[in-house]
Amino acid sequence: FADVVAPALGIALLEAPADWLARLPRA
């Protein structure tokens, strides 16, 4: 829903990079 509606309303959707979890340290 957000991908359809947000651009029409000028809304910026913030999210983590796709590989964020994979780049975290093992600790």
PDB file of all heavy atoms in Angstrom:
ATOM      1  N   PHE A   1       0.835  -1.196   0.000  1.00  0.00           N
ATOM      2  CA  PHE A   1       0.000   0.000   0.000  1.00  0.00           C
ATOM      3  C   PHE A   1       0.874   1.252   0.000  1.00  0.00           C
ATOM      4  O   PHE A   1       0.632   2.206  -0.746  1.00  0.00           O
ATOM      5  CB  PHE A   1      -0.922  -0.014   1.219  1.00  0.00           C
ATOM      6  CG  PHE A   1      -1.820   1.183   1.323  1.00  0.00           C
ATOM      7  CD1 PHE A   1      -3.035   1.222   0.648  1.00  0.00           C
ATOM      8  CD2 PHE A   1      -1.464   2.274   2.104  1.00  0.00           C
ATOM      9  CE1 PHE A   1      -3.870   2.331   0.747  1.00  0.00           C
ATOM     10  CE2 PHE A   1      -2.291   3.377   2.211  1.00  0.00           C
ATOM     11  CZ  PHE A   1      -3.501   3.407   1.530  1.00  0.00           C
ATOM     12  N   ALA A   2       1.905   1.253   0.835  1.00  0.00           N
ATOM     13  CA  ALA A   2       2.767   2.428   0.952  1.00  0.00           C
ATOM     14  C   ALA A   2       3.465   2.747  -0.364  1.00  0.00           C
ATOM     15  O   ALA A   2       3.607   3.921  -0.728  1.00  0.00           O
ATOM     16  CB  ALA A   2       3.796   2.203   2.054  1.00  0.00           C
ATOM     17  N   ASP A   3       3.900   1.735  -1.090  1.00  0.00           N
ATOM     18  CA  ASP A   3       4.609   1.974  -2.350  1.00  0.00           C
ATOM     19  C   ASP A   3       3.723   2.658  -3.384  1.00  0.00           C
ATOM     20  O   ASP A   3       4.212   3.374  -4.260  1.00  0.00           O
ATOM     21  CB  ASP A   3       5.135   0.651  -2.920  1.00  0.00           C
ATOM     22  CG  ASP A   3       6.363   0.143  -2.176  1.00  0.00           C
ATOM     23  OD1 ASP A   3       7.008   0.952  -1.484  1.00  0.00           O
ATOM     24  OD2 ASP A   3       6.666  -1.058  -2.293  1.00  0.00           O
ATOM     25  N   VAL A   4       2.413   2.433  -3.300  1.00  0.00           N
ATOM     26  CA  VAL A   4       1.485   3.069  -4.234  1.00  0.00           C
ATOM     27  C   VAL A   4       1.134   4.481  -3.781  1.00  0.00           C
ATOM     28  O   VAL A   4       1.132   5.426  -4.568  1.00  0.00           O
ATOM     29  CB  VAL A   4       0.205   2.223  -4.382  1.00  0.00           C
ATOM     30  CG1 VAL A   4      -0.833   2.955  -5.219  1.00  0.00           C
ATOM     31  CG2 VAL A   4       0.524   0.869  -5.010  1.00  0.00           C
ATOM     32  N   VAL A   5       0.859   4.633  -2.499  1.00  0.00           N
ATOM     33  CA  VAL A   5       0.310   5.884  -1.989  1.00  0.00           C
ATOM     34  C   VAL A   5       1.381   6.935  -1.694  1.00  0.00           C
ATOM     35  O   VAL A   5       1.189   8.125  -1.965  1.00  0.00           O
ATOM     36  CB  VAL A   5      -0.529   5.602  -0.730  1.00  0.00           C
ATOM     37  CG1 VAL A   5      -0.970   6.895  -0.053  1.00  0.00           C
ATOM     38  CG2 VAL A   5      -1.745   4.758  -1.090  1.00  0.00           C
ATOM     39  N   ALA A   6       2.515   6.524  -1.138  1.00  0.00           N
ATOM     40  CA  ALA A   6       3.516   7.494  -0.692  1.00  0.00           C
ATOM     41  C   ALA A   6       3.991   8.435  -1.801  1.00  0.00           C
ATOM     42  O   ALA A   6       4.070   9.653  -1.576  1.00  0.00           O
ATOM     43  CB  ALA A   6       4.695   6.765  -0.062  1.00  0.00           C
ATOM     44  N   PRO A   7       4.324   7.949  -2.999  1.00  0.00           N
ATOM     45  CA  PRO A   7       4.780   8.890  -4.038  1.00  0.00           C
ATOM     46  C   PRO A   7       3.724   9.931  -4.394  1.00  0.00           C
ATOM     47  O   PRO A   7       4.057  11.094  -4.654  1.00  0.00           O
ATOM     48  CB  PRO A   7       5.093   7.975  -5.226  1.00  0.00           C
ATOM     49  CG  PRO A   7       5.355   6.635  -4.621  1.00  0.00           C
ATOM     50  CD  PRO A   7       4.419   6.547  -3.454  1.00  0.00           C
ATOM     51  N   ALA A   8       2.463   9.527  -4.402  1.00  0.00           N
ATOM     52  CA  ALA A   8       1.389  10.462  -4.755  1.00  0.00           C
ATOM     53  C   ALA A   8       1.220  11.554  -3.713  1.00  0.00           C
ATOM     54  O   ALA A   8       0.733  12.645  -4.035  1.00  0.00           O
ATOM     55  CB  ALA A   8       0.072   9.702  -4.922  1.00  0.00           C
ATOM     56  N   LEU A   9       1.623  11.279  -2.487  1.00  0.00           N
ATOM     57  CA  LEU A   9       1.440  12.235  -1.402  1.00  0.00           C
ATOM     58  C   LEU A   9       2.734  12.937  -1.007  1.00  0.00           C
ATOM     59  O   LEU A   9       2.759  13.691  -0.042  1.00  0.00           O
ATOM     60  CB  LEU A   9       0.852  11.530  -0.178  1.00  0.00           C
ATOM     61  CG  LEU A   9      -0.523  10.889  -0.374  1.00  0.00           C
ATOM     62  CD1 LEU A   9      -0.991  10.230   0.913  1.00  0.00           C
ATOM     63  CD2 LEU A   9      -1.528  11.917  -0.838  1.00  0.00           C
ATOM     64  N   GLY A  10       3.810  12.671  -1.723  1.00  0.00           N
ATOM     65  CA  GLY A  10       5.074  13.307  -1.387  1.00  0.00           C
ATOM     66  C   GLY A  10       5.647  12.849  -0.072  1.00  0.00           C
ATOM     67  O   GLY A  10       6.297  13.606   0.653  1.00  0.00           O
ATOM     68  N   ILE A  11       5.410  11.566   0.255  1.00  0.00           N
ATOM     69  CA  ILE A  11       5.891  10.994   1.510  1.00  0.00           C
ATOM     70  C   ILE A  11       7.181  10.221   1.256  1.00  0.00           C
ATOM     71  O   ILE A  11       7.254   9.403   0.342  1.00  0.00           O
ATOM     72  CB  ILE A  11       4.841  10.063   2.136  1.00  0.00           C
ATOM     73  CG1 ILE A  11       3.599  10.852   2.551  1.00  0.00           C
ATOM     74  CG2 ILE A  11       5.416   9.315   3.337  1.00  0.00           C
ATOM     75  CD1 ILE A  11       2.455   9.973   3.023  1.00  0.00           C
ATOM     76  N   ALA A  12       8.184  10.480   2.070  1.00  0.00           N
ATOM     77  CA  ALA A  12       9.442   9.738   2.019  1.00  0.00           C
ATOM     78  C   ALA A  12       9.395   8.614   3.039  1.00  0.00           C
ATOM     79  O   ALA A  12       9.182   8.858   4.230  1.00  0.00           O
ATOM     80  CB  ALA A  12      10.619  10.658   2.300  1.00  0.00           C
ATOM     81  N   LEU A  13       9.570   7.384   2.579  1.00  0.00           N
ATOM     82  CA  LEU A  13       9.544   6.208   3.451  1.00  0.00           C
ATOM     83  C   LEU A  13      10.967   5.834   3.843  1.00  0.00           C
ATOM     84  O   LEU A  13      11.788   5.490   2.989  1.00  0.00           O
ATOM     85  CB  LEU A  13       8.877   5.034   2.726  1.00  0.00           C
ATOM     86  CG  LEU A  13       7.458   5.262   2.205  1.00  0.00           C
ATOM     87  CD1 LEU A  13       7.019   4.081   1.346  1.00  0.00           C
ATOM     88  CD2 LEU A  13       6.486   5.489   3.361  1.00  0.00           C
ATOM     89  N   LEU A  14      11.257   5.881   5.117  1.00  0.00           N
ATOM     90  CA  LEU A  14      12.593   5.550   5.595  1.00  0.00           C
ATOM     91  C   LEU A  14      12.684   4.076   5.967  1.00  0.00           C
ATOM     92  O   LEU A  14      11.764   3.519   6.556  1.00  0.00           O
ATOM     93  CB  LEU A  14      12.953   6.399   6.822  1.00  0.00           C
ATOM     94  CG  LEU A  14      12.938   7.918   6.641  1.00  0.00           C
ATOM     95  CD1 LEU A  14      13.361   8.600   7.939  1.00  0.00           C
ATOM     96  CD2 LEU A  14      13.832   8.341   5.488  1.00  0.00           C
ATOM     97  N   GLU A  15      13.800   3.452   5.604  1.00  0.00           N
ATOM     98  CA  GLU A  15      14.033   2.059   5.962  1.00  0.00           C
ATOM     99  C   GLU A  15      15.525   1.798   6.036  1.00  0.00           C
ATOM    100  O   GLU A  15      16.347   2.574   5.528  1.00  0.00           O
ATOM    101  CB  GLU A  15      13.377   1.114   4.950  1.00  0.00           C
ATOM    102  CG  GLU A  15      13.964   1.191   3.564  1.00  0.00           C
ATOM    103  CD  GLU A  15      13.227   0.303   2.569  1.00  0.00           C
ATOM    104  OE1 GLU A  15      12.145  -0.208   2.894  1.00  0.00           O
ATOM    105  OE2 GLU A  15      13.749   0.122   1.459  1.00  0.00           O
ATOM    106  N   ALA A  16      15.895   0.681   6.661  1.00  0.00           N
ATOM    107  CA  ALA A  16      17.298   0.289   6.747  1.00  0.00           C
ATOM    108  C   ALA A  16      17.767  -0.230   5.397  1.00  0.00           C
ATOM    109  O   ALA A  16      16.968  -0.744   4.606  1.00  0.00           O
ATOM    110  CB  ALA A  16      17.466  -0.789   7.819  1.00  0.00           C
ATOM    111  N   PRO A  17      19.064  -0.121   5.088  1.00  0.00           N
ATOM    112  CA  PRO A  17      19.581  -0.720   3.862  1.00  0.00           C
ATOM    113  C   PRO A  17      19.283  -2.216   3.817  1.00  0.00           C
ATOM    114  O   PRO A  17      19.219  -2.881   4.860  1.00  0.00           O
ATOM    115  CB  PRO A  17      21.096  -0.468   3.951  1.00  0.00           C
ATOM    116  CG  PRO A  17      21.223   0.729   4.853  1.00  0.00           C
ATOM    117  CD  PRO A  17      20.106   0.600   5.853  1.00  0.00           C
ATOM    118  N   ALA A  18      19.105  -2.754   2.612  1.00  0.00           N
ATOM    119  CA  ALA A  18      18.722  -4.164   2.471  1.00  0.00           C
ATOM    120  C   ALA A  18      19.730  -5.104   3.129  1.00  0.00           C
ATOM    121  O   ALA A  18      19.359  -6.162   3.626  1.00  0.00           O
ATOM    122  CB  ALA A  18      18.561  -4.503   0.990  1.00  0.00           C
ATOM    123  N   ASP A  19      21.008  -4.718   3.139  1.00  0.00           N
ATOM    124  CA  ASP A  19      22.040  -5.600   3.695  1.00  0.00           C
ATOM    125  C   ASP A  19      22.465  -5.187   5.096  1.00  0.00           C
ATOM    126  O   ASP A  19      23.503  -5.637   5.581  1.00  0.00           O
ATOM    127  CB  ASP A  19      23.248  -5.651   2.763  1.00  0.00           C
ATOM    128  CG  ASP A  19      23.945  -4.296   2.621  1.00  0.00           C
ATOM    129  OD1 ASP A  19      23.338  -3.259   3.028  1.00  0.00           O
ATOM    130  OD2 ASP A  19      25.071  -4.256   2.106  1.00  0.00           O
ATOM    131  N   TRP A  20      21.662  -4.350   5.760  1.00  0.00           N
ATOM    132  CA  TRP A  20      22.070  -3.828   7.072  1.00  0.00           C
ATOM    133  C   TRP A  20      22.343  -4.944   8.067  1.00  0.00           C
ATOM    134  O   TRP A  20      23.382  -4.954   8.738  1.00  0.00           O
ATOM    135  CB  TRP A  20      20.990  -2.899   7.628  1.00  0.00           C
ATOM    136  CG  TRP A  20      21.336  -2.336   8.975  1.00  0.00           C
ATOM    137  CD1 TRP A  20      22.211  -1.319   9.233  1.00  0.00           C
ATOM    138  CD2 TRP A  20      20.844  -2.779  10.246  1.00  0.00           C
ATOM    139  NE1 TRP A  20      22.285  -1.090  10.591  1.00  0.00           N
ATOM    140  CE2 TRP A  20      21.454  -1.973  11.232  1.00  0.00           C
ATOM    141  CE3 TRP A  20      19.938  -3.761  10.645  1.00  0.00           C
ATOM    142  CZ2 TRP A  20      21.199  -2.133  12.603  1.00  0.00           C
ATOM    143  CZ3 TRP A  20      19.678  -3.923  12.000  1.00  0.00           C
ATOM    144  CH2 TRP A  20      20.303  -3.125  12.965  1.00  0.00           C
ATOM    145  N   LEU A  21      21.443  -5.891   8.166  1.00  0.00           N
ATOM    146  CA  LEU A  21      21.598  -6.969   9.141  1.00  0.00           C
ATOM    147  C   LEU A  21      22.858  -7.784   8.851  1.00  0.00           C
ATOM    148  O   LEU A  21      23.579  -8.184   9.764  1.00  0.00           O
ATOM    149  CB  LEU A  21      20.363  -7.863   9.124  1.00  0.00           C
ATOM    150  CG  LEU A  21      20.225  -8.895  10.249  1.00  0.00           C
ATOM    151  CD1 LEU A  21      20.124  -8.211  11.603  1.00  0.00           C
ATOM    152  CD2 LEU A  21      18.995  -9.772  10.018  1.00  0.00           C
ATOM    153  N   ALA A  22      23.121  -8.027   7.572  1.00  0.00           N
ATOM    154  CA  ALA A  22      24.280  -8.833   7.186  1.00  0.00           C
ATOM    155  C   ALA A  22      25.598  -8.112   7.473  1.00  0.00           C
ATOM    156  O   ALA A  22      26.639  -8.767   7.610  1.00  0.00           O
ATOM    157  CB  ALA A  22      24.198  -9.188   5.701  1.00  0.00           C
ATOM    158  N   ARG A  23      25.569  -6.799   7.557  1.00  0.00           N
ATOM    159  CA  ARG A  23      26.797  -6.037   7.798  1.00  0.00           C
ATOM    160  C   ARG A  23      27.084  -5.804   9.271  1.00  0.00           C
ATOM    161  O   ARG A  23      28.139  -5.252   9.619  1.00  0.00           O
ATOM    162  CB  ARG A  23      26.722  -4.694   7.066  1.00  0.00           C
ATOM    163  CG  ARG A  23      26.819  -4.830   5.559  1.00  0.00           C
ATOM    164  CD  ARG A  23      27.012  -3.493   4.862  1.00  0.00           C
ATOM    165  NE  ARG A  23      25.798  -2.691   4.813  1.00  0.00           N
ATOM    166  CZ  ARG A  23      25.632  -1.556   5.481  1.00  0.00           C
ATOM    167  NH1 ARG A  23      26.576  -1.100   6.279  1.00  0.00           N
ATOM    168  NH2 ARG A  23      24.503  -0.866   5.371  1.00  0.00           N
ATOM    169  N   LEU A  24      26.178  -6.204  10.148  1.00  0.00           N
ATOM    170  CA  LEU A  24      26.434  -6.029  11.570  1.00  0.00           C
ATOM    171  C   LEU A  24      27.540  -6.967  12.042  1.00  0.00           C
ATOM    172  O   LEU A  24      27.694  -8.077  11.517  1.00  0.00           O
ATOM    173  CB  LEU A  24      25.161  -6.325  12.374  1.00  0.00           C
ATOM    174  CG  LEU A  24      24.024  -5.313  12.292  1.00  0.00           C
ATOM    175  CD1 LEU A  24      22.848  -5.788  13.144  1.00  0.00           C
ATOM    176  CD2 LEU A  24      24.468  -3.933  12.717  1.00  0.00           C
ATOM    177  N   PRO A  25      28.300  -6.567  13.059  1.00  0.00           N
ATOM    178  CA  PRO A  25      29.323  -7.471  13.597  1.00  0.00           C
ATOM    179  C   PRO A  25      28.687  -8.694  14.250  1.00  0.00           C
ATOM    180  O   PRO A  25      27.566  -8.631  14.765  1.00  0.00           O
ATOM    181  CB  PRO A  25      30.056  -6.594  14.622  1.00  0.00           C
ATOM    182  CG  PRO A  25      29.111  -5.489  14.938  1.00  0.00           C
ATOM    183  CD  PRO A  25      28.310  -5.244  13.709  1.00  0.00           C
ATOM    184  N   ARG A  26      29.414  -9.780  14.212  1.00  0.00           N
ATOM    185  CA  ARG A  26      28.908 -11.040  14.768  1.00  0.00           C
ATOM    186  C   ARG A  26      28.508 -10.889  16.237  1.00  0.00           C
ATOM    187  O   ARG A  26      27.577 -11.561  16.710  1.00  0.00           O
ATOM    188  CB  ARG A  26      29.989 -12.123  14.610  1.00  0.00           C
ATOM    189  CG  ARG A  26      29.618 -13.518  15.114  1.00  0.00           C
ATOM    190  CD  ARG A  26      28.559 -14.150  14.253  1.00  0.00           C
ATOM    191  NE  ARG A  26      28.267 -15.511  14.661  1.00  0.00           N
ATOM    192  CZ  ARG A  26      28.598 -16.602  13.976  1.00  0.00           C
ATOM    193  NH1 ARG A  26      29.242 -16.484  12.824  1.00  0.00           N
ATOM    194  NH2 ARG A  26      28.290 -17.798  14.400  1.00  0.00           N
ATOM    195  N   ALA A  27      29.148  -9.984  16.967  1.00  0.00           N
ATOM    196  CA  ALA A  27      28.829  -9.786  18.381  1.00  0.00           C
ATOM    197  C   ALA A  27      27.403  -9.298  18.575  1.00  0.00           C
ATOM    198  O   ALA A  27      26.820  -9.492  19.646  1.00  0.00           O
ATOM    199  CB  ALA A  27      29.805  -8.781  18.990  1.00  0.00           C
TER     200      ALA A  27
END
